């Protein structure tokens, strides 16, 4: 796998795509895959997540890097990441980036656009989606897919630990809301998505959402660009320590998607 040159892309004043070197890119060596993990106050479990991820990635045939994006944490998340980097970084490099703009979408966007690897993507710090899913995802990406996303609702998927009833009800309503927007996708919100760099960049420069509508808009932009999206059924485990709040965040999720629908209609 041949990595891309060190650059990112931004939109100029006249809408033209322009290459721009990113300072974080210049400090990171080339790898085949960069894994982005957005983190907000994850000091309690990020060490375990990183150690499991390093052990998995180190056994794969492709070179990798882990990038944790600290989304304004007020605990010791960044310090824990740096400690694990010192302990495990020889096996798989670990970087930590700061993101002062709140919202998972902003953190993911920051991480995705900071790298240069041929393939990149993100998953949540709770490892709700099995790490082994990456193996199949990379096979699809190497075979020409533009994006590979995990799905809790595609045929063949299972819930190892079911969601709380409030999240299940909210998820059902959310899928109904997005069904007409992102066609053919059963689950826009599962926190596991990986991409081929060029297809991702072309879609990301069109995205404006940084909150709960980020995943929906990114998939929408990929479809608008005729990018191929593979949806993988997974055995998913609901995290007991999830930071998602069904009522407060659920309302924000619906508002974000409705705003997105107005903006793209």
Protein backbone atom coordinates (compact mmCIF):
# COMPACT_ATOMS: atom_id res chain seq x y z
CA UNK A 1 0.00 0.00 0.00
CA UNK A 2 1.46 3.34 -1.02
CA UNK A 3 0.64 6.28 1.28
CA UNK A 4 -0.22 9.69 -0.11
CA UNK A 5 1.95 12.77 0.07
CA UNK A 6 1.74 14.91 3.20
CA UNK A 7 -0.99 17.41 2.53
CA UNK A 8 -4.52 18.27 3.43
CA UNK A 9 -7.13 20.15 1.46
CA UNK A 10 -9.13 23.29 2.15
CA UNK A 11 -11.59 25.33 0.15
CA UNK A 12 -10.30 28.66 -1.11
CA UNK A 13 -12.30 31.88 -1.35
CA UNK A 14 -13.67 30.90 -4.74
CA UNK A 15 -14.49 27.34 -3.74
CA UNK A 16 -11.39 25.86 -5.37
CA UNK A 17 -9.71 22.94 -3.60
CA UNK A 18 -6.21 23.93 -2.52
CA UNK A 19 -3.47 21.76 -1.05
CA UNK A 20 -2.13 22.82 2.31
CA UNK A 21 0.43 21.09 4.46
CA UNK A 22 -0.80 20.38 7.94
CA UNK A 23 1.71 20.80 10.81
CA UNK A 24 0.57 17.58 12.49
CA UNK A 25 1.11 15.69 9.21
CA UNK A 26 4.71 16.85 9.06
CA UNK A 27 5.41 15.32 12.47
CA UNK A 28 3.95 11.91 11.62
CA UNK A 29 5.59 9.25 9.49
CA UNK A 30 3.70 7.56 6.66
CA UNK A 31 1.59 4.52 7.49
CA UNK A 32 -1.06 2.56 5.59
CA UNK A 33 -3.84 3.22 8.12
CA UNK A 34 -4.55 5.88 10.71
CA UNK A 35 -7.16 5.08 13.35
CA UNK A 36 -8.84 8.12 14.89
CA UNK A 37 -10.36 7.81 18.37
CA UNK A 38 -12.36 10.86 19.52
CA UNK A 39 -12.21 11.19 23.30
CA UNK A 40 -13.99 13.35 25.85
CA UNK A 41 -13.16 12.64 29.50
CA UNK A 42 -12.05 9.09 28.72
CA UNK A 43 -9.20 8.84 31.26
CA UNK A 44 -10.91 5.90 32.96
CA UNK A 45 -10.94 3.57 29.94
CA UNK A 46 -8.70 5.00 27.23
CA UNK A 47 -5.66 3.06 28.48
CA UNK A 48 -7.41 -0.29 28.06
CA UNK A 49 -8.78 0.77 24.67
CA UNK A 50 -5.34 1.78 23.43
CA UNK A 51 -3.59 -1.34 24.68
CA UNK A 52 -6.16 -3.60 23.02
CA UNK A 53 -5.97 -1.59 19.80
CA UNK A 54 -2.17 -1.62 19.71
CA UNK A 55 -2.07 -5.38 20.24
CA UNK A 56 -4.55 -5.90 17.41
CA UNK A 57 -2.91 -3.52 14.95
CA UNK A 58 0.60 -4.77 15.63
CA UNK A 59 -0.45 -8.23 14.41
CA UNK A 60 -1.80 -6.96 11.06
CA UNK A 61 0.07 -6.93 7.72
CA UNK A 62 -0.48 -3.18 7.26
CA UNK A 63 1.32 -0.40 9.12
CA UNK A 64 -0.83 1.71 11.43
CA UNK A 65 -0.98 4.70 13.73
CA UNK A 66 -3.50 5.62 16.42
CA UNK A 67 -4.53 9.26 16.78
CA UNK A 68 -6.56 10.20 19.85
CA UNK A 69 -8.36 13.52 19.51
CA UNK A 70 -8.90 15.04 22.94
CA UNK A 71 -12.19 16.92 22.57
CA UNK A 72 -11.79 19.43 25.40
CA UNK A 73 -11.51 16.87 28.21
CA UNK A 74 -11.24 18.22 31.75
CA UNK A 75 -9.76 14.99 33.14
CA UNK A 76 -6.39 13.32 32.47
CA UNK A 77 -7.29 11.84 29.07
CA UNK A 78 -4.36 13.41 27.23
CA UNK A 79 -1.87 12.50 29.96
CA UNK A 80 -3.02 8.86 29.94
CA UNK A 81 -2.69 8.71 26.14
CA UNK A 82 0.87 10.06 26.30
CA UNK A 83 1.77 7.52 28.97
CA UNK A 84 0.48 4.63 26.86
CA UNK A 85 2.31 6.08 23.86
CA UNK A 86 5.57 5.89 25.79
CA UNK A 87 4.85 2.30 26.81
CA UNK A 88 3.41 0.90 23.56
CA UNK A 89 4.49 3.37 20.87
CA UNK A 90 7.28 1.14 19.57
CA UNK A 91 4.69 -1.40 18.43
CA UNK A 92 2.18 1.08 16.98
CA UNK A 93 2.73 4.86 17.13
CA UNK A 94 0.17 6.81 19.18
CA UNK A 95 -0.45 10.55 18.78
CA UNK A 96 -2.74 12.88 20.68
CA UNK A 97 -4.32 15.97 19.15
CA UNK A 98 -6.32 18.66 20.87
CA UNK A 99 -9.68 19.87 19.58
CA UNK A 100 -11.13 22.85 21.40
CA UNK A 101 -14.33 22.88 19.36
CA UNK A 102 -16.83 20.72 21.17
CA UNK A 103 -18.68 17.88 19.50
CA UNK A 104 -17.70 14.43 18.30
CA UNK A 105 -18.04 15.54 14.68
CA UNK A 106 -15.52 18.32 15.20
CA UNK A 107 -13.08 15.92 16.88
CA UNK A 108 -13.42 13.31 14.15
CA UNK A 109 -13.02 15.93 11.44
CA UNK A 110 -9.87 17.25 13.13
CA UNK A 111 -8.37 13.78 13.28
CA UNK A 112 -9.30 12.68 9.78
CA UNK A 113 -7.97 15.79 8.08
CA UNK A 114 -4.71 15.86 10.04
CA UNK A 115 -3.27 12.72 8.44
CA UNK A 116 -1.85 11.52 5.13
CA UNK A 117 -2.37 7.75 5.24
CA UNK A 118 -4.00 6.04 2.27
CA UNK A 119 -6.73 4.72 4.56
CA UNK A 120 -8.16 6.34 7.68
CA UNK A 121 -11.23 6.20 9.85
CA UNK A 122 -12.53 6.31 13.37
CA UNK A 123 -14.14 4.27 16.10
CA UNK A 124 -15.42 5.10 19.56
CA UNK A 125 -13.34 4.75 22.69
CA UNK A 126 -15.76 2.19 24.16
CA UNK A 127 -14.81 -0.43 21.51
CA UNK A 128 -18.49 -1.25 21.07
CA UNK A 129 -17.63 -2.56 17.60
CA UNK A 130 -15.16 -5.49 17.69
CA UNK A 131 -11.62 -4.60 16.63
CA UNK A 132 -11.62 -7.57 14.28
CA UNK A 133 -14.08 -5.64 12.08
CA UNK A 134 -11.05 -3.66 10.88
CA UNK A 135 -9.70 -6.70 9.07
CA UNK A 136 -12.76 -6.99 6.84
CA UNK A 137 -12.95 -3.22 6.46
CA UNK A 138 -9.38 -3.06 5.17
CA UNK A 139 -10.05 -5.90 2.73
CA UNK A 140 -12.95 -3.93 1.22
CA UNK A 141 -10.95 -0.70 1.11
CA UNK A 142 -7.97 -2.39 -0.53
CA UNK A 143 -10.42 -3.91 -3.01
CA UNK A 144 -11.66 -0.49 -4.10
CA UNK A 145 -14.41 0.54 -1.68
CA UNK A 146 -14.49 4.23 -0.81
CA UNK A 147 -15.95 3.74 2.66
CA UNK A 148 -16.70 0.86 5.01
CA UNK A 149 -19.06 1.43 7.92
CA UNK A 150 -20.22 -0.87 10.70
CA UNK A 151 -23.95 -1.40 11.10
CA UNK A 152 -26.03 -2.50 14.05
CA UNK A 153 -29.12 -2.91 11.85
CA UNK A 154 -27.93 -4.51 8.61
CA UNK A 155 -28.99 -8.13 8.09
CA UNK A 156 -26.74 -10.38 10.15
CA UNK A 157 -25.94 -7.85 12.87
CA UNK A 158 -26.46 -8.67 16.55
CA UNK A 159 -26.49 -6.90 19.90
CA UNK A 160 -24.18 -8.64 22.38
CA UNK A 161 -25.34 -6.22 25.07
CA UNK A 162 -28.67 -4.54 24.13
CA UNK A 163 -29.15 -0.80 24.26
CA UNK A 164 -31.22 0.88 26.94
CA UNK A 165 -34.86 1.22 25.85
CA UNK A 166 -34.55 5.00 25.60
CA UNK A 167 -31.67 4.73 23.16
CA UNK A 168 -33.46 2.03 21.15
CA UNK A 169 -36.55 4.19 20.74
CA UNK A 170 -34.52 7.25 19.87
CA UNK A 171 -32.43 5.28 17.39
CA UNK A 172 -35.52 3.94 15.62
CA UNK A 173 -36.92 7.44 15.23
CA UNK A 174 -33.54 8.80 14.08
CA UNK A 175 -33.19 6.12 11.40
CA UNK A 176 -36.66 6.96 10.12
CA UNK A 177 -35.64 10.62 9.90
CA UNK A 178 -32.44 9.93 7.94
CA UNK A 179 -33.72 7.10 5.74
CA UNK A 180 -34.83 9.38 2.94
CA UNK A 181 -31.61 11.39 3.09
CA UNK A 182 -28.94 8.68 3.09
CA UNK A 183 -30.47 6.02 0.90
CA UNK A 184 -29.69 2.34 1.33
CA UNK A 185 -27.82 2.77 4.62
CA UNK A 186 -29.34 0.98 7.61
CA UNK A 187 -27.24 2.65 10.32
CA UNK A 188 -25.66 6.07 9.87
CA UNK A 189 -24.62 6.49 13.51
CA UNK A 190 -22.58 3.41 14.42
CA UNK A 191 -19.23 4.70 15.69
CA UNK A 192 -17.02 2.77 13.27
CA UNK A 193 -16.28 4.20 9.82
CA UNK A 194 -13.20 3.86 7.59
CA UNK A 195 -12.33 5.48 4.27
CA UNK A 196 -10.02 5.71 1.30
CA UNK A 197 -8.24 9.06 1.63
CA UNK A 198 -9.13 10.68 -1.71
CA UNK A 199 -12.83 9.80 -1.47
CA UNK A 200 -12.92 11.04 2.13
CA UNK A 201 -11.23 14.34 1.32
CA UNK A 202 -13.58 15.05 -1.59
CA UNK A 203 -16.56 14.50 0.72
CA UNK A 204 -15.14 16.28 3.77
CA UNK A 205 -14.54 19.58 1.98
CA UNK A 206 -18.29 19.74 1.37
CA UNK A 207 -19.27 18.98 4.98
CA UNK A 208 -20.28 21.72 7.39
CA UNK A 209 -21.72 19.72 10.30
CA UNK A 210 -19.59 19.24 13.42
CA UNK A 211 -22.20 17.82 15.79
CA UNK A 212 -24.59 14.89 15.70
CA UNK A 213 -25.37 15.32 11.99
CA UNK A 214 -21.71 14.86 11.03
CA UNK A 215 -22.00 11.14 10.17
CA UNK A 216 -25.18 11.71 8.17
CA UNK A 217 -23.72 14.56 6.14
CA UNK A 218 -20.45 12.73 5.48
CA UNK A 219 -22.28 9.68 4.13
CA UNK A 220 -24.58 11.94 2.12
CA UNK A 221 -21.60 13.73 0.52
CA UNK A 222 -19.96 10.40 -0.30
CA UNK A 223 -23.15 9.25 -2.02
CA UNK A 224 -23.40 12.55 -3.89
CA UNK A 225 -19.89 11.83 -5.23
CA UNK A 226 -20.91 8.30 -6.30
CA UNK A 227 -18.49 6.80 -3.78
CA UNK A 228 -19.01 3.14 -2.93
CA UNK A 229 -20.06 2.51 0.68
CA UNK A 230 -19.93 -0.98 2.20
CA UNK A 231 -22.05 -1.59 5.29
CA UNK A 232 -20.82 -4.41 7.54
CA UNK A 233 -23.13 -6.13 10.04
CA UNK A 234 -21.43 -6.38 13.44
CA UNK A 235 -21.88 -7.92 16.88
CA UNK A 236 -22.22 -4.70 18.83
CA UNK A 237 -21.94 -4.16 22.58
CA UNK A 238 -23.68 -1.16 24.13
CA UNK A 239 -21.22 0.62 26.40
CA UNK A 240 -22.39 0.99 29.99
CA UNK A 241 -20.23 4.11 30.30
CA UNK A 242 -21.45 5.77 27.11
CA UNK A 243 -21.39 9.57 27.26
CA UNK A 244 -24.48 9.79 25.03
CA UNK A 245 -27.48 11.18 26.93
CA UNK A 246 -30.70 9.89 25.33
CA UNK A 247 -32.84 12.96 26.07
CA UNK A 248 -30.47 15.92 25.82
CA UNK A 249 -28.32 14.51 23.03
CA UNK A 250 -31.31 12.91 21.30
CA UNK A 251 -33.02 16.30 20.93
CA UNK A 252 -29.78 17.79 19.61
CA UNK A 253 -29.41 14.90 17.14
CA UNK A 254 -32.86 15.47 15.64
CA UNK A 255 -32.32 19.23 15.48
CA UNK A 256 -28.98 18.77 13.71
CA UNK A 257 -30.40 16.47 11.05
CA UNK A 258 -33.44 18.68 10.44
CA UNK A 259 -31.09 21.63 9.98
CA UNK A 260 -28.98 19.54 7.59
CA UNK A 261 -32.07 18.61 5.59
CA UNK A 262 -32.98 22.28 5.21
CA UNK A 263 -29.45 23.16 4.16
CA UNK A 264 -29.18 20.43 1.51
CA UNK A 265 -32.73 20.43 0.17
